[in-house]
Amino acid sequence: MRDHYSDFTSRGVEIVAVGPDAAGTFQNYWQKENIPFVGLPDPDHSVSKIYKQEVNLFKLGRMPLNCVIDLDGRIRYVHYGSSMSDIPDNETFLNVIEQLDKSSV
């Protein structure tokens, strides 16, 4: 998503990534990797609990959870990953966003 961030922002969309690390660790990683979108530290897992993100210690912790949330706070698309590499490609998200845009016209 980092390399195609402008594909999202040009559609009026913002990306927010939530991670389990403390604020300092999270901020250092974001700066080191030059990630242009918002990163939200969630060390107490409050956000992950709200969205029912699975934690599997045998698979290195939190499983990927990807959502498209509209401006009213409603989840319009959700993907619960079954492994750390189970993340939809950018085109999947862009297609969902395009369909939501069409339905709001």
C-alpha atoms as a PDB file:
ATOM      1  CA  MET A   1       0.000   0.000   0.000  1.00  0.00           C
ATOM      2  CA  ARG A   2       2.910   2.323   0.682  1.00  0.00           C
ATOM      3  CA  ASP A   3       4.073   2.264  -2.925  1.00  0.00           C
ATOM      4  CA  HIS A   4       0.552   2.874  -4.246  1.00  0.00           C
ATOM      5  CA  TYR A   5      -0.649   5.285  -1.581  1.00  0.00           C
ATOM      6  CA  SER A   6      -1.503   7.936  -4.171  1.00  0.00           C
ATOM      7  CA  ASP A   7      -3.901   5.461  -5.849  1.00  0.00           C
ATOM      8  CA  PHE A   8      -5.932   5.577  -2.647  1.00  0.00           C
ATOM      9  CA  THR A   9      -5.649   9.276  -1.792  1.00  0.00           C
ATOM     10  CA  SER A  10      -6.578  10.277  -5.347  1.00  0.00           C
ATOM     11  CA  ARG A  11      -9.925   8.565  -4.649  1.00  0.00           C
ATOM     12  CA  GLY A  12     -10.437  10.523  -1.430  1.00  0.00           C
ATOM     13  CA  VAL A  13      -9.479   7.559   0.751  1.00  0.00           C
ATOM     14  CA  GLU A  14      -7.175   7.416   3.740  1.00  0.00           C
ATOM     15  CA  ILE A  15      -5.284   4.350   4.929  1.00  0.00           C
ATOM     16  CA  VAL A  16      -4.916   3.685   8.634  1.00  0.00           C
ATOM     17  CA  ALA A  17      -2.767   0.820   9.861  1.00  0.00           C
ATOM     18  CA  VAL A  18      -3.213  -0.440  13.403  1.00  0.00           C
ATOM     19  CA  GLY A  19      -0.380  -2.340  15.029  1.00  0.00           C
ATOM     20  CA  PRO A  20       0.287  -4.041  18.360  1.00  0.00           C
ATOM     21  CA  ASP A  21       3.447  -2.141  19.270  1.00  0.00           C
ATOM     22  CA  ALA A  22       3.875   0.690  21.761  1.00  0.00           C
ATOM     23  CA  ALA A  23       3.837   4.235  20.394  1.00  0.00           C
ATOM     24  CA  GLY A  24       7.632   4.712  20.331  1.00  0.00           C
ATOM     25  CA  THR A  25       8.344   1.432  18.568  1.00  0.00           C
ATOM     26  CA  PHE A  26       5.530   2.038  16.131  1.00  0.00           C
ATOM     27  CA  GLN A  27       6.731   5.580  15.342  1.00  0.00           C
ATOM     28  CA  ASN A  28      10.327   4.432  14.814  1.00  0.00           C
ATOM     29  CA  TYR A  29       9.219   1.752  12.359  1.00  0.00           C
ATOM     30  CA  TRP A  30       6.975   4.189  10.471  1.00  0.00           C
ATOM     31  CA  GLN A  31       9.809   6.680  10.107  1.00  0.00           C
ATOM     32  CA  LYS A  32      12.429   4.072   9.215  1.00  0.00           C
ATOM     33  CA  GLU A  33      10.208   2.551   6.511  1.00  0.00           C
ATOM     34  CA  ASN A  34       8.977   5.973   5.309  1.00  0.00           C
ATOM     35  CA  ILE A  35       5.331   4.938   5.438  1.00  0.00           C
ATOM     36  CA  PRO A  36       3.122   7.805   4.216  1.00  0.00           C
ATOM     37  CA  PHE A  37      -0.189   6.792   5.776  1.00  0.00           C
ATOM     38  CA  VAL A  38      -1.458   6.907   9.340  1.00  0.00           C
ATOM     39  CA  GLY A  39      -0.138   4.391  11.840  1.00  0.00           C
ATOM     40  CA  LEU A  40      -2.048   3.790  15.053  1.00  0.00           C
ATOM     41  CA  PRO A  41      -0.329   1.954  17.904  1.00  0.00           C
ATOM     42  CA  ASP A  42      -2.651  -0.427  19.733  1.00  0.00           C
ATOM     43  CA  PRO A  43      -0.553  -2.026  22.487  1.00  0.00           C
ATOM     44  CA  ASP A  44      -3.572  -2.679  24.733  1.00  0.00           C
ATOM     45  CA  HIS A  45      -5.447  -4.299  21.792  1.00  0.00           C
ATOM     46  CA  SER A  46      -8.531  -2.112  22.241  1.00  0.00           C
ATOM     47  CA  VAL A  47      -8.949  -1.471  18.509  1.00  0.00           C
ATOM     48  CA  SER A  48      -8.253  -5.078  17.543  1.00  0.00           C
ATOM     49  CA  LYS A  49     -10.919  -6.242  20.021  1.00  0.00           C
ATOM     50  CA  ILE A  50     -13.520  -3.881  18.553  1.00  0.00           C
ATOM     51  CA  TYR A  51     -12.976  -5.361  15.080  1.00  0.00           C
ATOM     52  CA  LYS A  52     -12.573  -8.926  16.376  1.00  0.00           C
ATOM     53  CA  GLN A  53      -9.076  -9.373  14.982  1.00  0.00           C
ATOM     54  CA  GLU A  54      -7.826 -12.896  15.598  1.00  0.00           C
ATOM     55  CA  VAL A  55      -4.694 -13.475  17.635  1.00  0.00           C
ATOM     56  CA  ASN A  56      -2.910 -16.752  16.954  1.00  0.00           C
ATOM     57  CA  LEU A  57       0.333 -17.185  18.863  1.00  0.00           C
ATOM     58  CA  PHE A  58       1.262 -20.187  16.716  1.00  0.00           C
ATOM     59  CA  LYS A  59       1.168 -17.910  13.647  1.00  0.00           C
ATOM     60  CA  LEU A  60       3.209 -15.033  15.105  1.00  0.00           C
ATOM     61  CA  GLY A  61       0.417 -13.027  16.743  1.00  0.00           C
ATOM     62  CA  ARG A  62      -2.323 -10.942  15.181  1.00  0.00           C
ATOM     63  CA  MET A  63      -3.727 -12.221  11.932  1.00  0.00           C
ATOM     64  CA  PRO A  64      -4.191  -9.632   9.190  1.00  0.00           C
ATOM     65  CA  LEU A  65      -7.488  -7.786   9.272  1.00  0.00           C
ATOM     66  CA  ASN A  66      -8.310  -5.413   6.438  1.00  0.00           C
ATOM     67  CA  CYS A  67     -11.425  -3.232   6.389  1.00  0.00           C
ATOM     68  CA  VAL A  68     -12.926  -0.522   4.274  1.00  0.00           C
ATOM     69  CA  ILE A  69     -14.899   1.763   6.579  1.00  0.00           C
ATOM     70  CA  ASP A  70     -17.126   4.498   5.219  1.00  0.00           C
ATOM     71  CA  LEU A  71     -17.370   8.054   6.519  1.00  0.00           C
ATOM     72  CA  ASP A  72     -20.281   7.035   8.755  1.00  0.00           C
ATOM     73  CA  GLY A  73     -18.087   4.443  10.481  1.00  0.00           C
ATOM     74  CA  ARG A  74     -19.758   1.425   8.854  1.00  0.00           C
ATOM     75  CA  ILE A  75     -17.617  -1.482   7.737  1.00  0.00           C
ATOM     76  CA  ARG A  76     -18.249  -1.907   4.016  1.00  0.00           C
ATOM     77  CA  TYR A  77     -15.663  -4.614   3.346  1.00  0.00           C
ATOM     78  CA  VAL A  78     -13.753  -6.896   5.687  1.00  0.00           C
ATOM     79  CA  HIS A  79     -11.107  -9.544   5.144  1.00  0.00           C
ATOM     80  CA  TYR A  80      -9.905 -11.695   8.035  1.00  0.00           C
ATOM     81  CA  GLY A  81      -6.557 -13.233   7.091  1.00  0.00           C
ATOM     82  CA  SER A  82      -5.764 -16.839   7.967  1.00  0.00           C
ATOM     83  CA  SER A  83      -1.981 -16.315   7.875  1.00  0.00           C
ATOM     84  CA  MET A  84       0.459 -13.405   7.993  1.00  0.00           C
ATOM     85  CA  SER A  85       0.654 -13.398   4.180  1.00  0.00           C
ATOM     86  CA  ASP A  86      -3.123 -13.556   3.640  1.00  0.00           C
ATOM     87  CA  ILE A  87      -3.659  -9.927   2.642  1.00  0.00           C
ATOM     88  CA  PRO A  88      -5.741  -8.850  -0.366  1.00  0.00           C
ATOM     89  CA  ASP A  89      -3.933  -6.974  -3.119  1.00  0.00           C
ATOM     90  CA  ASN A  90      -4.450  -3.252  -3.646  1.00  0.00           C
ATOM     91  CA  GLU A  91      -6.736  -3.852  -6.623  1.00  0.00           C
ATOM     92  CA  THR A  92      -9.222  -5.617  -4.352  1.00  0.00           C
ATOM     93  CA  PHE A  93      -9.474  -2.557  -2.119  1.00  0.00           C
ATOM     94  CA  LEU A  94      -9.584  -0.133  -5.047  1.00  0.00           C
ATOM     95  CA  ASN A  95     -12.406  -2.156  -6.633  1.00  0.00           C
ATOM     96  CA  VAL A  96     -14.394  -2.078  -3.388  1.00  0.00           C
ATOM     97  CA  ILE A  97     -13.883   1.686  -3.156  1.00  0.00           C
ATOM     98  CA  GLU A  98     -14.939   2.124  -6.786  1.00  0.00           C
ATOM     99  CA  GLN A  99     -18.126   0.104  -6.190  1.00  0.00           C
ATOM    100  CA  LEU A 100     -18.940   2.154  -3.090  1.00  0.00           C
ATOM    101  CA  ASP A 101     -18.426   5.360  -5.066  1.00  0.00           C
ATOM    102  CA  LYS A 102     -20.780   4.123  -7.801  1.00  0.00           C
ATOM    103  CA  SER A 103     -23.466   3.163  -5.301  1.00  0.00           C
ATOM    104  CA  SER A 104     -23.368   6.592  -3.640  1.00  0.00           C
ATOM    105  CA  VAL A 105     -24.083   8.486  -6.849  1.00  0.00           C
END
